N, C-alpha and C. Protein backbone atom coordinates (compact mmCIF):
# COMPACT_ATOMS: atom_id res chain seq x y z
N MET A 1 13.93 71.99 127.00
CA MET A 1 14.91 71.81 128.05
C MET A 1 14.56 72.74 129.21
N LYS A 2 14.77 72.27 130.39
CA LYS A 2 14.46 73.06 131.58
C LYS A 2 15.54 74.10 131.83
N ARG A 3 15.11 75.15 132.48
CA ARG A 3 16.08 76.14 132.93
C ARG A 3 16.88 75.56 134.09
N CYS A 4 18.04 76.11 134.24
CA CYS A 4 18.90 75.68 135.33
C CYS A 4 18.26 76.05 136.67
N ARG A 5 18.45 75.21 137.65
CA ARG A 5 17.89 75.48 138.98
C ARG A 5 18.62 76.61 139.69
N CYS A 6 19.69 77.09 139.11
CA CYS A 6 20.42 78.18 139.76
C CYS A 6 19.69 79.51 139.59
N GLY A 7 18.60 79.53 138.78
CA GLY A 7 17.76 80.72 138.66
C GLY A 7 18.23 81.74 137.64
N ARG A 8 19.24 81.43 136.89
CA ARG A 8 19.74 82.38 135.89
C ARG A 8 18.88 82.34 134.64
N ASP A 9 18.88 83.43 133.90
CA ASP A 9 18.02 83.56 132.73
C ASP A 9 18.72 83.06 131.46
N THR A 10 19.44 81.98 131.57
CA THR A 10 20.04 81.30 130.43
C THR A 10 19.81 79.82 130.64
N TYR A 11 20.11 79.05 129.63
CA TYR A 11 19.89 77.61 129.72
C TYR A 11 21.22 76.89 129.82
N PRO A 12 21.30 75.91 130.69
CA PRO A 12 22.54 75.15 130.77
C PRO A 12 22.64 74.22 129.57
N SER A 13 23.83 74.07 129.04
CA SER A 13 24.01 73.11 127.95
C SER A 13 24.08 71.71 128.54
N ALA A 14 24.22 70.72 127.69
CA ALA A 14 24.29 69.33 128.16
C ALA A 14 25.50 69.13 129.07
N GLU A 15 26.50 70.00 128.94
CA GLU A 15 27.71 69.87 129.76
C GLU A 15 27.63 70.68 131.05
N HIS A 16 26.46 71.26 131.34
CA HIS A 16 26.34 72.10 132.55
C HIS A 16 26.73 71.29 133.78
N GLY A 17 27.47 71.93 134.62
CA GLY A 17 27.97 71.25 135.81
C GLY A 17 29.35 70.69 135.58
N ARG A 18 29.76 70.63 134.34
CA ARG A 18 31.10 70.18 133.98
C ARG A 18 31.75 71.31 133.20
N GLY A 19 32.16 72.34 133.87
CA GLY A 19 32.79 73.47 133.21
C GLY A 19 31.84 74.64 133.02
N ASP A 20 30.61 74.53 133.54
CA ASP A 20 29.64 75.63 133.49
C ASP A 20 29.48 76.22 132.10
N ARG A 21 29.22 75.40 131.12
CA ARG A 21 28.98 75.89 129.77
C ARG A 21 27.54 76.37 129.66
N TRP A 22 27.34 77.49 128.95
CA TRP A 22 26.01 78.10 128.83
C TRP A 22 25.61 78.24 127.38
N GLN A 23 24.30 78.24 127.14
CA GLN A 23 23.75 78.47 125.81
C GLN A 23 22.74 79.60 125.87
N VAL A 24 22.79 80.46 124.87
CA VAL A 24 21.78 81.49 124.69
C VAL A 24 20.85 80.97 123.61
N ARG A 25 19.55 80.88 123.90
CA ARG A 25 18.58 80.36 122.94
C ARG A 25 17.55 81.43 122.62
N TYR A 26 17.21 81.51 121.33
CA TYR A 26 16.22 82.48 120.88
C TYR A 26 15.70 82.04 119.52
N ASN A 27 14.61 82.64 119.09
CA ASN A 27 14.09 82.42 117.74
C ASN A 27 14.39 83.65 116.91
N ASP A 28 14.93 83.43 115.71
CA ASP A 28 15.23 84.56 114.84
C ASP A 28 13.92 85.15 114.30
N PRO A 29 13.98 86.25 113.56
CA PRO A 29 12.75 86.89 113.07
C PRO A 29 11.88 85.99 112.19
N HIS A 30 12.47 84.93 111.65
CA HIS A 30 11.71 84.00 110.81
C HIS A 30 11.18 82.82 111.61
N GLY A 31 11.40 82.84 112.93
CA GLY A 31 10.92 81.77 113.80
C GLY A 31 11.87 80.59 113.92
N LYS A 32 13.03 80.68 113.30
CA LYS A 32 14.01 79.59 113.36
C LYS A 32 14.72 79.61 114.71
N PRO A 33 14.71 78.48 115.42
CA PRO A 33 15.41 78.43 116.70
C PRO A 33 16.92 78.60 116.50
N ARG A 34 17.51 79.40 117.32
CA ARG A 34 18.96 79.65 117.28
C ARG A 34 19.54 79.40 118.65
N ARG A 35 20.81 79.07 118.68
CA ARG A 35 21.50 78.97 119.97
C ARG A 35 22.98 79.24 119.77
N GLU A 36 23.54 79.84 120.78
CA GLU A 36 24.96 80.14 120.80
C GLU A 36 25.52 79.61 122.11
N SER A 37 26.65 78.93 122.02
CA SER A 37 27.25 78.33 123.21
C SER A 37 28.36 79.20 123.76
N PHE A 38 28.49 79.19 125.07
CA PHE A 38 29.53 79.95 125.75
C PHE A 38 30.24 79.04 126.74
N PRO A 39 31.35 78.45 126.31
CA PRO A 39 32.11 77.62 127.23
C PRO A 39 32.94 78.48 128.18
N ASP A 40 33.79 77.86 128.91
CA ASP A 40 34.73 78.55 129.80
C ASP A 40 34.05 79.27 130.95
N ALA A 41 32.91 78.76 131.39
CA ALA A 41 32.23 79.30 132.58
C ALA A 41 31.99 80.80 132.48
N GLU A 42 31.59 81.28 131.31
CA GLU A 42 31.39 82.72 131.12
C GLU A 42 29.91 83.06 131.12
N TYR A 43 29.28 82.91 132.25
CA TYR A 43 27.86 83.22 132.37
C TYR A 43 27.58 84.68 132.02
N ASP A 44 28.41 85.59 132.51
CA ASP A 44 28.18 87.02 132.27
C ASP A 44 28.20 87.34 130.78
N ARG A 45 29.11 86.72 130.06
CA ARG A 45 29.17 86.94 128.61
C ARG A 45 27.92 86.40 127.92
N ALA A 46 27.45 85.24 128.37
CA ALA A 46 26.23 84.66 127.81
C ALA A 46 25.03 85.55 128.11
N ALA A 47 24.95 86.05 129.33
CA ALA A 47 23.83 86.92 129.71
C ALA A 47 23.86 88.22 128.90
N ASP A 48 25.05 88.77 128.69
CA ASP A 48 25.18 89.99 127.88
C ASP A 48 24.75 89.74 126.44
N ARG A 49 25.13 88.59 125.91
CA ARG A 49 24.75 88.25 124.53
C ARG A 49 23.24 88.09 124.42
N LEU A 50 22.63 87.45 125.41
CA LEU A 50 21.18 87.28 125.42
C LEU A 50 20.48 88.64 125.39
N ALA A 51 20.96 89.56 126.22
CA ALA A 51 20.37 90.91 126.25
C ALA A 51 20.56 91.61 124.91
N GLU A 52 21.73 91.45 124.32
CA GLU A 52 22.01 92.07 123.01
C GLU A 52 21.09 91.51 121.93
N VAL A 53 20.92 90.19 121.91
CA VAL A 53 20.06 89.55 120.91
C VAL A 53 18.62 90.01 121.09
N ARG A 54 18.14 90.03 122.32
CA ARG A 54 16.76 90.47 122.57
C ARG A 54 16.54 91.90 122.11
N THR A 55 17.49 92.77 122.39
CA THR A 55 17.39 94.17 121.97
C THR A 55 17.37 94.27 120.45
N ASP A 56 18.28 93.56 119.79
CA ASP A 56 18.33 93.59 118.33
C ASP A 56 17.04 93.06 117.72
N LEU A 57 16.50 91.98 118.27
CA LEU A 57 15.25 91.42 117.76
C LEU A 57 14.10 92.42 117.93
N ARG A 58 14.05 93.07 119.08
CA ARG A 58 12.99 94.04 119.36
C ARG A 58 13.09 95.25 118.42
N ARG A 59 14.30 95.69 118.14
CA ARG A 59 14.51 96.85 117.27
C ARG A 59 14.42 96.51 115.78
N GLY A 60 14.47 95.22 115.48
CA GLY A 60 14.47 94.80 114.08
C GLY A 60 15.83 94.94 113.42
N THR A 61 16.89 94.97 114.24
CA THR A 61 18.24 95.14 113.71
C THR A 61 19.08 93.88 113.81
N TRP A 62 18.45 92.76 114.19
CA TRP A 62 19.19 91.51 114.33
C TRP A 62 19.74 91.07 112.98
N VAL A 63 20.98 90.62 112.96
CA VAL A 63 21.62 90.13 111.75
C VAL A 63 22.06 88.70 111.99
N ASP A 64 21.76 87.84 111.05
CA ASP A 64 22.14 86.43 111.14
C ASP A 64 23.67 86.33 111.19
N PRO A 65 24.22 85.74 112.25
CA PRO A 65 25.68 85.62 112.35
C PRO A 65 26.29 84.86 111.18
N GLU A 66 25.55 83.90 110.64
CA GLU A 66 26.05 83.13 109.49
C GLU A 66 26.11 83.99 108.23
N ALA A 67 25.17 84.90 108.09
CA ALA A 67 25.13 85.76 106.90
C ALA A 67 26.36 86.64 106.82
N GLY A 68 26.89 87.01 107.96
CA GLY A 68 28.07 87.87 107.98
C GLY A 68 29.33 87.19 107.47
N LYS A 69 29.28 85.88 107.33
CA LYS A 69 30.46 85.14 106.88
C LYS A 69 30.60 85.11 105.36
N ILE A 70 29.49 85.37 104.65
CA ILE A 70 29.60 85.35 103.19
C ILE A 70 30.32 86.60 102.71
N LEU A 71 30.93 86.50 101.56
CA LEU A 71 31.64 87.66 101.03
C LEU A 71 30.65 88.73 100.61
N ALA A 72 31.02 89.97 100.85
CA ALA A 72 30.15 91.09 100.50
C ALA A 72 29.86 91.09 98.99
N VAL A 73 30.83 90.67 98.19
CA VAL A 73 30.63 90.59 96.75
C VAL A 73 29.50 89.61 96.43
N LYS A 74 29.49 88.48 97.10
CA LYS A 74 28.45 87.48 96.88
C LYS A 74 27.09 88.05 97.29
N ALA A 75 27.05 88.76 98.41
CA ALA A 75 25.79 89.38 98.86
C ALA A 75 25.31 90.40 97.83
N ALA A 76 26.22 91.16 97.25
CA ALA A 76 25.85 92.15 96.23
C ALA A 76 25.30 91.46 94.99
N GLU A 77 25.92 90.36 94.60
CA GLU A 77 25.44 89.62 93.43
C GLU A 77 24.05 89.02 93.69
N GLU A 78 23.85 88.49 94.90
CA GLU A 78 22.53 87.94 95.26
C GLU A 78 21.48 89.05 95.28
N TRP A 79 21.88 90.23 95.75
CA TRP A 79 20.95 91.36 95.78
C TRP A 79 20.55 91.74 94.36
N LEU A 80 21.50 91.74 93.43
CA LEU A 80 21.19 92.06 92.04
C LEU A 80 20.20 91.04 91.45
N GLU A 81 20.38 89.77 91.78
CA GLU A 81 19.44 88.74 91.31
C GLU A 81 18.04 89.01 91.87
N TRP A 82 17.99 89.40 93.15
CA TRP A 82 16.71 89.70 93.79
C TRP A 82 16.04 90.90 93.12
N ILE A 83 16.83 91.94 92.83
CA ILE A 83 16.31 93.14 92.16
C ILE A 83 15.72 92.76 90.80
N GLU A 84 16.42 91.91 90.08
CA GLU A 84 15.94 91.51 88.75
C GLU A 84 14.60 90.78 88.85
N LYS A 85 14.47 89.90 89.85
CA LYS A 85 13.21 89.18 90.04
C LYS A 85 12.10 90.11 90.52
N LYS A 86 12.46 91.04 91.41
CA LYS A 86 11.46 91.92 92.00
C LYS A 86 10.95 92.95 91.00
N HIS A 87 11.88 93.64 90.35
CA HIS A 87 11.49 94.74 89.46
C HIS A 87 11.21 94.26 88.05
N GLY A 88 12.14 93.52 87.50
CA GLY A 88 11.97 93.03 86.14
C GLY A 88 11.98 94.13 85.09
N VAL A 89 12.08 95.38 85.52
CA VAL A 89 12.12 96.51 84.58
C VAL A 89 13.56 96.63 84.10
N GLU A 90 13.75 96.46 82.82
CA GLU A 90 15.09 96.36 82.26
C GLU A 90 15.98 97.56 82.61
N ASN A 91 15.46 98.77 82.46
CA ASN A 91 16.26 99.96 82.75
C ASN A 91 16.69 100.02 84.21
N THR A 92 15.77 99.70 85.12
CA THR A 92 16.09 99.73 86.55
C THR A 92 17.17 98.70 86.86
N VAL A 93 16.98 97.50 86.38
CA VAL A 93 17.94 96.42 86.63
C VAL A 93 19.29 96.77 86.03
N ASP A 94 19.30 97.29 84.82
CA ASP A 94 20.56 97.68 84.17
C ASP A 94 21.28 98.77 84.96
N THR A 95 20.54 99.75 85.44
CA THR A 95 21.13 100.84 86.22
C THR A 95 21.73 100.31 87.51
N TYR A 96 20.97 99.51 88.26
CA TYR A 96 21.48 98.95 89.51
C TYR A 96 22.69 98.06 89.27
N THR A 97 22.62 97.26 88.21
CA THR A 97 23.74 96.37 87.90
C THR A 97 24.99 97.18 87.56
N SER A 98 24.82 98.21 86.77
CA SER A 98 25.95 99.06 86.39
C SER A 98 26.57 99.73 87.61
N HIS A 99 25.75 100.33 88.45
CA HIS A 99 26.27 101.01 89.65
C HIS A 99 26.95 100.02 90.59
N THR A 100 26.34 98.87 90.76
CA THR A 100 26.90 97.88 91.68
C THR A 100 28.24 97.37 91.17
N LYS A 101 28.32 97.04 89.90
CA LYS A 101 29.57 96.49 89.35
C LYS A 101 30.66 97.55 89.19
N THR A 102 30.26 98.79 88.97
CA THR A 102 31.23 99.87 88.77
C THR A 102 31.75 100.43 90.09
N HIS A 103 30.87 100.54 91.08
CA HIS A 103 31.25 101.22 92.32
C HIS A 103 31.28 100.31 93.55
N VAL A 104 30.21 99.58 93.77
CA VAL A 104 30.07 98.82 95.03
C VAL A 104 31.04 97.66 95.10
N ILE A 105 31.02 96.79 94.09
CA ILE A 105 31.86 95.59 94.15
C ILE A 105 33.35 95.92 94.20
N PRO A 106 33.86 96.86 93.40
CA PRO A 106 35.28 97.20 93.54
C PRO A 106 35.62 97.76 94.92
N PHE A 107 34.70 98.50 95.51
CA PHE A 107 34.96 99.07 96.84
C PHE A 107 34.99 97.97 97.91
N LEU A 108 34.06 97.04 97.82
CA LEU A 108 33.97 95.99 98.84
C LEU A 108 35.12 95.01 98.79
N GLY A 109 35.64 94.78 97.59
CA GLY A 109 36.67 93.77 97.46
C GLY A 109 36.11 92.41 97.83
N ARG A 110 36.90 91.60 98.50
CA ARG A 110 36.45 90.26 98.88
C ARG A 110 36.33 90.16 100.40
N ARG A 111 35.78 91.18 100.99
CA ARG A 111 35.62 91.20 102.45
C ARG A 111 34.38 90.43 102.87
N PRO A 112 34.42 89.81 104.05
CA PRO A 112 33.19 89.19 104.59
C PRO A 112 32.17 90.28 104.89
N ALA A 113 30.92 90.02 104.57
CA ALA A 113 29.86 91.01 104.79
C ALA A 113 29.80 91.44 106.25
N GLY A 114 30.05 90.52 107.17
CA GLY A 114 29.98 90.83 108.59
C GLY A 114 31.07 91.76 109.08
N SER A 115 32.09 91.98 108.25
CA SER A 115 33.18 92.86 108.68
C SER A 115 32.90 94.32 108.33
N LEU A 116 31.85 94.56 107.56
CA LEU A 116 31.54 95.93 107.15
C LEU A 116 30.93 96.73 108.30
N ARG A 117 31.34 97.96 108.44
CA ARG A 117 30.86 98.84 109.50
C ARG A 117 30.37 100.15 108.90
N ARG A 118 29.78 100.97 109.75
CA ARG A 118 29.29 102.27 109.31
C ARG A 118 30.41 103.12 108.72
N THR A 119 31.59 103.01 109.28
CA THR A 119 32.71 103.78 108.74
C THR A 119 33.02 103.38 107.30
N ASP A 120 32.77 102.12 106.95
CA ASP A 120 32.96 101.68 105.56
C ASP A 120 31.95 102.36 104.65
N SER A 121 30.71 102.47 105.12
CA SER A 121 29.68 103.16 104.34
C SER A 121 30.05 104.62 104.13
N ASN A 122 30.52 105.24 105.20
CA ASN A 122 30.93 106.65 105.10
C ASN A 122 32.09 106.81 104.12
N ALA A 123 33.06 105.90 104.18
CA ALA A 123 34.20 105.96 103.26
C ALA A 123 33.75 105.77 101.82
N PHE A 124 32.78 104.88 101.62
CA PHE A 124 32.26 104.63 100.27
C PHE A 124 31.60 105.89 99.72
N VAL A 125 30.76 106.53 100.52
CA VAL A 125 30.09 107.76 100.08
C VAL A 125 31.12 108.85 99.81
N ASP A 126 32.10 108.98 100.71
CA ASP A 126 33.15 109.98 100.51
C ASP A 126 33.89 109.76 99.19
N GLU A 127 34.14 108.49 98.87
CA GLU A 127 34.83 108.17 97.62
C GLU A 127 33.97 108.54 96.41
N LEU A 128 32.67 108.31 96.52
CA LEU A 128 31.77 108.61 95.40
C LEU A 128 31.65 110.11 95.14
N ILE A 129 31.56 110.89 96.22
CA ILE A 129 31.35 112.33 96.04
C ILE A 129 32.66 113.11 95.97
N GLY A 130 33.76 112.36 96.20
CA GLY A 130 35.09 112.91 96.02
C GLY A 130 35.45 113.97 96.98
């Protein structure tokens, strides 16, 4: 798709010119094309998001917006499965499973993974060390 002739560094959606809807397009770290739409004629918000995504991609801190919607408990369970496949060492897997089920999962509850913040990590550590 062509860039808009208005010279802005975002791409007009199919509805451009009818409400000034904008899309931010980028490829995630795995090369998968992504796009986010910004209706309501909010070019500045779209431009800010584009800058944020580019910075996160460059720093290696980009997080899939869809991944944040899964429950943290589910992510922890998937991580345990990955550990079991990766290590396969029974003692290591048993230790990680025990710690995760005893401490991590009860702390996380059924929160979406994307809702977790640094303050949650700090609170978790504080709870562990008492």
